[in-house]
Amino acid sequence: MFFYTTKVIYEDYVDIEPIVILDDKIIAKLEEISCYDKDDRSIFLSTEDPTFSPPPKDKSIFFIEAACKEEMSMLHACVIESAAVAHPESKIYVLFSYSITESQIKGYFGKLLSYPNIFAARIHITQYAKGTALESILVKDIKKTRHPIEDITNVLKLVTLHKWGGTVLSSDMMVIRSFEDLPKNWIAKKNNAASSKILSLAKDDVGTNITNEIIKEFAKTYDTKSRYVNRLETTLIRVLKRRCSDIFTSKSGECNGFKVFKEDFFFPIRIPSPAPYADEGTESDEEEMPYTFHIKNMDFSSYPSEEWPSEDLARIFCPSIFEFKLKIN
């Protein structure tokens, strides 16, 4: 049971601290992060360890694992592998906010660790944001919010960019093309606004200044009772519009060293044909090919078999996870 205390003063009793029980919805949500306080038996290096140091060239790609899980899903593992396949020269980091034991890497995630460019590390959330404007959210406020996983993930994304720079990706964004030709500082547009599903900010002057602005804005406006205010997208829109008021409507999407890419590149309405990505000789305009697509609430079997069989999807973008799935079935 989760609870907190609030000091009050009664007319006849002084300094009584009654226990205020959180409502059922908050308690249920807090169960999703109940593993954070368990004994730390993680087999992975802590991000606090001085030897954990993502390269400073802003080529790292990060995934944040905030929800307590016994095992990584096939689809999530496929997404991470897709990023590694598309970026063989970059380091892909999976950051867990809870302890991972030996038994938890025998499934799909264990297969990912065979990749030389996939790494995992353990985040201790109260330490990770220490010294930043976001520290109090993780230490105090998170126990009062109705959306702890969403809020924690947003905060950890921002702190990660603050520490090392690079690209943070959500676990429902399948990567189908390398980001190598993209500028250092950019974001994808969705529904004529900002998306926090994919965000790239370097450790250069432009990236550092924008990251710091976003962190300050998120911390200043954070409200445990409002999901809309706490959405990272909302913060991104406010910060970027202050820099360039027309950044989401202009054709170029450029603003003082920062770029907003059109929706088609990262959230295509239709899944593109797999042929160009599989080097099957199909002619295509590479400049118009998407970099990612959004697969939230989908699984491989949901795709129309005539347009893109599930086997084609998995075989091209996450081959080792695809093979592993066949073996265990």
Protein backbone atom coordinates (compact mmCIF):
# COMPACT_ATOMS: atom_id res chain seq x y z
CA MET A 1 0.00 0.00 0.00
CA PHE A 2 1.34 3.44 -0.92
CA PHE A 3 0.64 6.46 1.24
CA TYR A 4 2.00 9.85 2.17
CA THR A 5 1.55 12.14 5.15
CA THR A 6 0.46 15.74 5.33
CA LYS A 7 1.19 17.81 8.40
CA VAL A 8 -1.86 19.70 9.73
CA ILE A 9 -2.59 21.68 12.89
CA TYR A 10 -5.86 21.13 14.75
CA GLU A 11 -7.25 23.45 17.37
CA ASP A 12 -6.70 20.94 20.19
CA TYR A 13 -3.82 18.90 18.77
CA VAL A 14 -0.56 20.20 17.41
CA ASP A 15 1.76 18.52 14.90
CA ILE A 16 -0.47 15.57 14.16
CA GLU A 17 0.43 13.93 10.86
CA PRO A 18 -2.55 11.88 9.66
CA ILE A 19 -2.09 9.29 6.97
CA VAL A 20 -3.79 10.28 3.72
CA ILE A 21 -4.60 7.24 1.63
CA LEU A 22 -4.20 7.70 -2.10
CA ASP A 23 -7.16 6.85 -4.29
CA ASP A 24 -7.38 3.45 -5.98
CA LYS A 25 -6.38 4.72 -9.43
CA ILE A 26 -3.14 6.23 -8.16
CA ILE A 27 -2.38 3.10 -6.12
CA ALA A 28 -2.89 0.91 -9.19
CA LYS A 29 -0.58 3.09 -11.25
CA LEU A 30 2.07 3.13 -8.54
CA GLU A 31 2.13 -0.66 -8.65
CA GLU A 32 3.70 -0.26 -12.09
CA ILE A 33 6.80 1.21 -10.45
CA SER A 34 6.76 -0.91 -7.29
CA CYS A 35 9.87 -2.79 -8.44
CA TYR A 36 12.04 0.34 -8.18
CA ASP A 37 12.62 -0.12 -4.47
CA LYS A 38 13.39 -3.83 -4.55
CA ASP A 39 16.86 -5.15 -3.76
CA ASP A 40 19.26 -4.07 -6.47
CA ARG A 41 20.54 -7.30 -7.96
CA SER A 42 20.89 -5.92 -11.46
CA ILE A 43 23.41 -7.64 -13.69
CA PHE A 44 23.85 -4.43 -15.66
CA LEU A 45 26.14 -1.52 -14.94
CA SER A 46 24.61 1.49 -13.20
CA THR A 47 24.47 4.77 -15.08
CA GLU A 48 26.14 6.25 -11.99
CA ASP A 49 29.23 4.11 -12.57
CA PRO A 50 32.07 6.27 -13.92
CA THR A 51 32.81 3.66 -16.58
CA PHE A 52 29.35 4.13 -18.09
CA SER A 53 29.99 6.82 -20.65
CA PRO A 54 28.11 6.99 -23.96
CA PRO A 55 30.28 8.49 -26.69
CA PRO A 56 30.23 12.29 -26.94
CA LYS A 57 29.65 12.33 -30.71
CA ASP A 58 25.86 12.43 -30.27
CA LYS A 59 25.36 9.20 -32.19
CA SER A 60 23.93 7.21 -29.31
CA ILE A 61 20.31 6.04 -29.38
CA PHE A 62 18.47 5.51 -26.10
CA PHE A 63 15.40 3.55 -25.07
CA ILE A 64 13.90 4.08 -21.60
CA GLU A 65 12.37 1.11 -19.75
CA ALA A 66 10.30 2.58 -16.91
CA ALA A 67 7.45 0.08 -16.37
CA CYS A 68 8.15 -2.96 -14.18
CA LYS A 69 8.15 -6.07 -16.37
CA GLU A 70 9.19 -9.66 -15.88
CA GLU A 71 10.14 -10.01 -19.52
CA MET A 72 10.47 -7.79 -22.57
CA SER A 73 7.82 -8.31 -25.23
CA MET A 74 8.64 -9.58 -28.72
CA LEU A 75 7.44 -6.36 -30.33
CA HIS A 76 9.50 -4.14 -28.05
CA ALA A 77 12.60 -6.26 -28.65
CA CYS A 78 11.97 -6.02 -32.38
CA VAL A 79 11.91 -2.21 -32.18
CA ILE A 80 15.24 -2.10 -30.35
CA GLU A 81 16.82 -4.51 -32.82
CA SER A 82 15.52 -2.42 -35.72
CA ALA A 83 17.46 0.57 -34.36
CA ALA A 84 20.62 -1.52 -34.04
CA VAL A 85 20.27 -2.97 -37.55
CA ALA A 86 19.78 0.49 -39.08
CA HIS A 87 22.72 1.97 -37.13
CA PRO A 88 25.55 -0.59 -36.94
CA GLU A 89 28.10 2.16 -36.16
CA SER A 90 26.05 3.71 -33.34
CA LYS A 91 25.60 2.50 -29.79
CA ILE A 92 22.07 1.56 -28.74
CA TYR A 93 21.39 1.87 -25.00
CA VAL A 94 18.44 0.34 -23.16
CA LEU A 95 18.14 2.04 -19.78
CA PHE A 96 16.13 0.18 -17.12
CA SER A 97 14.78 2.04 -14.09
CA TYR A 98 14.60 -1.23 -12.17
CA SER A 99 16.86 -4.17 -11.45
CA ILE A 100 17.30 -6.82 -14.16
CA THR A 101 18.36 -10.29 -13.04
CA GLU A 102 19.94 -13.18 -14.91
CA SER A 103 16.60 -14.95 -15.32
CA GLN A 104 15.06 -11.92 -17.05
CA ILE A 105 17.47 -11.97 -19.99
CA LYS A 106 16.75 -15.50 -21.16
CA GLY A 107 13.99 -14.34 -23.48
CA TYR A 108 13.86 -11.77 -26.26
CA PHE A 109 16.10 -9.20 -24.60
CA GLY A 110 18.81 -11.81 -24.14
CA LYS A 111 18.91 -12.25 -27.91
CA LEU A 112 19.48 -8.51 -28.35
CA LEU A 113 22.60 -8.59 -26.19
CA SER A 114 24.35 -10.64 -28.88
CA TYR A 115 24.54 -7.43 -30.91
CA PRO A 116 27.89 -5.66 -30.41
CA ASN A 117 26.21 -2.23 -30.46
CA ILE A 118 23.38 -2.90 -27.98
CA PHE A 119 24.07 -2.12 -24.32
CA ALA A 120 21.98 -2.05 -21.16
CA ALA A 121 22.31 -0.08 -17.93
CA ARG A 122 20.44 0.43 -14.66
CA ILE A 123 19.00 3.82 -13.74
CA HIS A 124 18.41 4.73 -10.09
CA ILE A 125 15.85 7.43 -10.70
CA THR A 126 16.41 9.45 -7.52
CA GLN A 127 20.10 9.70 -8.37
CA TYR A 128 19.78 10.05 -12.13
CA ALA A 129 18.15 13.50 -12.06
CA LYS A 130 20.08 14.74 -9.03
CA GLY A 131 21.14 18.34 -9.37
CA THR A 132 18.68 19.07 -12.18
CA ALA A 133 15.41 21.00 -12.09
CA LEU A 134 13.60 17.66 -12.53
CA GLU A 135 14.93 16.04 -9.35
CA SER A 136 11.95 16.88 -7.13
CA ILE A 137 9.51 15.33 -9.62
CA LEU A 138 11.16 11.91 -9.31
CA VAL A 139 11.78 12.17 -5.57
CA LYS A 140 8.46 13.63 -4.40
CA ASP A 141 5.80 14.38 -6.99
CA ILE A 142 5.77 11.05 -8.80
CA LYS A 143 3.94 9.35 -5.93
CA LYS A 144 0.98 11.69 -6.38
CA THR A 145 0.47 11.49 -10.12
CA ARG A 146 -2.07 9.34 -11.93
CA HIS A 147 0.40 8.69 -14.76
CA PRO A 148 3.72 7.71 -13.13
CA ILE A 149 5.12 5.68 -16.05
CA GLU A 150 4.45 8.40 -18.61
CA ASP A 151 5.86 11.12 -16.36
CA ILE A 152 8.93 9.12 -15.33
CA THR A 153 9.67 8.22 -18.94
CA ASN A 154 9.44 11.87 -19.99
CA VAL A 155 11.75 12.99 -17.21
CA LEU A 156 14.29 10.23 -17.90
CA LYS A 157 14.31 11.10 -21.61
CA LEU A 158 15.16 14.70 -20.82
CA VAL A 159 17.82 13.85 -18.24
CA THR A 160 19.41 11.39 -20.68
CA LEU A 161 19.68 14.08 -23.36
CA HIS A 162 21.00 16.51 -20.75
CA LYS A 163 23.73 14.08 -19.70
CA TRP A 164 24.90 12.68 -23.02
CA GLY A 165 22.98 14.04 -25.97
CA GLY A 166 21.84 11.79 -28.80
CA THR A 167 18.45 10.42 -29.80
CA VAL A 168 15.74 9.10 -27.48
CA LEU A 169 13.21 6.73 -29.00
CA SER A 170 9.95 5.35 -27.68
CA SER A 171 9.57 1.58 -27.72
CA ASP A 172 6.76 1.70 -30.29
CA MET A 173 8.78 3.39 -33.04
CA MET A 174 10.09 0.86 -35.57
CA VAL A 175 13.28 2.10 -37.25
CA ILE A 176 13.47 1.32 -40.95
CA ARG A 177 16.11 3.77 -42.16
CA SER A 178 19.32 5.21 -40.70
CA PHE A 179 19.29 8.66 -39.11
CA GLU A 180 22.87 9.28 -40.24
CA ASP A 181 21.92 11.88 -42.85
CA LEU A 182 19.82 13.92 -40.40
CA PRO A 183 21.07 17.02 -38.56
CA LYS A 184 22.11 16.79 -34.92
CA ASN A 185 19.11 18.59 -33.45
CA TRP A 186 15.64 17.66 -34.64
CA ILE A 187 12.18 16.41 -33.82
CA ALA A 188 9.33 14.82 -35.75
CA LYS A 189 6.00 16.51 -36.30
CA LYS A 190 2.73 14.71 -35.65
CA ASN A 191 -0.76 16.15 -36.17
CA ASN A 192 0.81 19.55 -36.95
CA ALA A 193 2.49 19.65 -33.55
CA ALA A 194 5.49 18.13 -31.77
CA SER A 195 5.93 14.45 -31.00
CA SER A 196 8.00 13.19 -28.09
CA LYS A 197 8.20 9.69 -29.58
CA ILE A 198 11.53 10.56 -31.13
CA LEU A 199 13.75 13.47 -30.12
CA SER A 200 17.35 14.20 -31.07
CA LEU A 201 19.39 16.82 -29.22
CA ALA A 202 23.16 17.03 -29.35
CA LYS A 203 25.63 18.25 -26.74
CA ASP A 204 26.51 21.24 -28.92
CA ASP A 205 25.41 24.80 -28.11
CA VAL A 206 22.07 24.52 -29.91
CA GLY A 207 21.13 21.13 -28.44
CA THR A 208 22.29 22.00 -24.92
CA ASN A 209 20.39 25.28 -24.84
CA ILE A 210 17.16 23.70 -26.09
CA THR A 211 17.48 20.76 -23.68
CA ASN A 212 17.96 23.11 -20.74
CA GLU A 213 14.95 25.20 -21.80
CA ILE A 214 12.75 22.11 -22.08
CA ILE A 215 13.86 20.83 -18.68
CA LYS A 216 13.17 24.17 -16.98
CA GLU A 217 9.77 24.48 -18.67
CA PHE A 218 8.74 20.91 -17.80
CA ALA A 219 9.77 21.35 -14.15
CA LYS A 220 8.07 24.75 -13.84
CA THR A 221 4.72 23.61 -15.24
CA TYR A 222 4.59 20.08 -13.82
CA ASP A 223 1.22 19.32 -12.22
CA THR A 224 0.40 15.95 -10.67
CA LYS A 225 -3.29 16.43 -11.50
CA SER A 226 -2.97 17.31 -15.19
CA ARG A 227 -1.95 14.84 -17.85
CA TYR A 228 -2.07 17.41 -20.65
CA VAL A 229 0.27 19.87 -18.94
CA ASN A 230 2.76 17.10 -18.16
CA ARG A 231 2.89 15.72 -21.67
CA LEU A 232 6.36 16.25 -23.11
CA GLU A 233 4.76 17.23 -26.41
CA THR A 234 3.06 20.19 -24.71
CA THR A 235 6.36 21.38 -23.29
CA LEU A 236 8.15 20.99 -26.62
CA ILE A 237 5.53 23.08 -28.40
CA ARG A 238 5.82 25.95 -25.91
CA VAL A 239 9.62 26.00 -25.95
CA LEU A 240 10.02 25.73 -29.72
CA LYS A 241 7.32 28.28 -30.49
CA ARG A 242 9.08 30.78 -28.26
CA ARG A 243 12.15 30.33 -30.44
CA CYS A 244 10.28 30.44 -33.77
CA SER A 245 6.55 31.10 -33.71
CA ASP A 246 6.00 29.49 -37.13
CA ILE A 247 8.21 26.44 -36.65
CA PHE A 248 5.30 23.98 -37.00
CA THR A 249 3.73 25.69 -39.99
CA SER A 250 6.69 26.77 -42.08
CA LYS A 251 7.68 24.60 -45.05
CA SER A 252 11.32 24.24 -43.99
CA GLY A 253 10.61 23.52 -40.32
CA GLU A 254 13.97 25.07 -39.49
CA CYS A 255 14.66 27.31 -36.53
CA ASN A 256 18.13 28.53 -35.54
CA GLY A 257 19.90 25.20 -35.95
CA PHE A 258 16.89 23.05 -35.03
CA LYS A 259 14.74 21.10 -37.50
CA VAL A 260 11.14 19.86 -37.35
CA PHE A 261 10.57 17.06 -39.87
CA LYS A 262 7.25 16.51 -41.56
CA GLU A 263 5.03 13.73 -40.30
CA ASP A 264 5.44 11.47 -43.33
CA PHE A 265 9.06 10.73 -42.46
CA PHE A 266 8.31 9.25 -39.02
CA PHE A 267 4.55 8.63 -38.82
CA PRO A 268 3.54 7.46 -42.31
CA ILE A 269 -0.14 6.65 -42.68
CA ARG A 270 0.63 3.51 -44.66
CA ILE A 271 3.46 1.14 -43.94
CA PRO A 272 5.90 1.39 -46.86
CA SER A 273 6.73 -1.59 -49.02
CA PRO A 274 9.56 -3.63 -47.49
CA ALA A 275 11.25 -4.20 -50.87
CA PRO A 276 13.48 -1.07 -50.93
CA TYR A 277 14.73 -1.77 -47.41
CA ALA A 278 15.46 -5.39 -48.26
CA ASP A 279 17.61 -4.46 -51.29
CA GLU A 280 15.41 -6.40 -53.62
CA GLY A 281 16.10 -4.10 -56.55
CA THR A 282 12.93 -2.06 -56.34
CA GLU A 283 13.42 1.51 -57.52
CA SER A 284 12.44 4.12 -54.97
CA ASP A 285 13.06 7.74 -54.10
CA GLU A 286 15.27 7.38 -51.05
CA GLU A 287 14.78 11.00 -50.04
CA GLU A 288 11.08 10.33 -49.50
CA MET A 289 11.46 7.00 -47.68
CA PRO A 290 10.32 7.06 -44.02
CA TYR A 291 12.80 6.65 -41.19
CA THR A 292 10.35 5.08 -38.75
CA PHE A 293 6.75 4.09 -38.33
CA HIS A 294 4.56 4.01 -35.25
CA ILE A 295 3.36 0.59 -34.13
CA LYS A 296 1.62 1.31 -30.84
CA ASN A 297 -1.17 -1.11 -30.01
CA MET A 298 -0.24 -3.30 -32.97
CA ASP A 299 1.38 -6.67 -33.32
CA PHE A 300 2.83 -8.39 -36.35
CA SER A 301 -0.37 -10.26 -37.14
CA SER A 302 -2.35 -7.03 -37.49
CA TYR A 303 -0.79 -6.05 -40.79
CA PRO A 304 -2.68 -6.91 -44.00
CA SER A 305 -1.01 -10.07 -45.30
CA GLU A 306 -1.28 -8.99 -48.94
CA GLU A 307 0.42 -5.63 -48.37
CA TRP A 308 3.05 -6.62 -45.87
CA PRO A 309 3.15 -10.11 -44.40
CA SER A 310 4.20 -10.23 -40.77
CA GLU A 311 7.17 -12.41 -41.66
CA ASP A 312 8.50 -9.77 -44.05
CA LEU A 313 8.25 -7.10 -41.36
CA ALA A 314 10.13 -9.09 -38.76
CA ARG A 315 12.65 -10.78 -41.07
CA ILE A 316 13.94 -7.46 -42.43
CA PHE A 317 14.00 -5.21 -39.38
CA CYS A 318 14.53 -7.61 -36.47
CA PRO A 319 15.97 -10.84 -37.92
CA SER A 320 17.31 -12.34 -34.68
CA ILE A 321 14.03 -11.76 -32.81
CA PHE A 322 12.15 -13.24 -35.75
CA GLU A 323 14.30 -16.38 -35.72
CA PHE A 324 14.03 -16.70 -31.95
CA LYS A 325 10.25 -16.45 -32.15
CA LEU A 326 10.18 -19.31 -34.68
CA LYS A 327 12.31 -21.50 -32.44
CA ILE A 328 10.19 -21.09 -29.32
CA ASN A 329 6.86 -21.59 -31.10
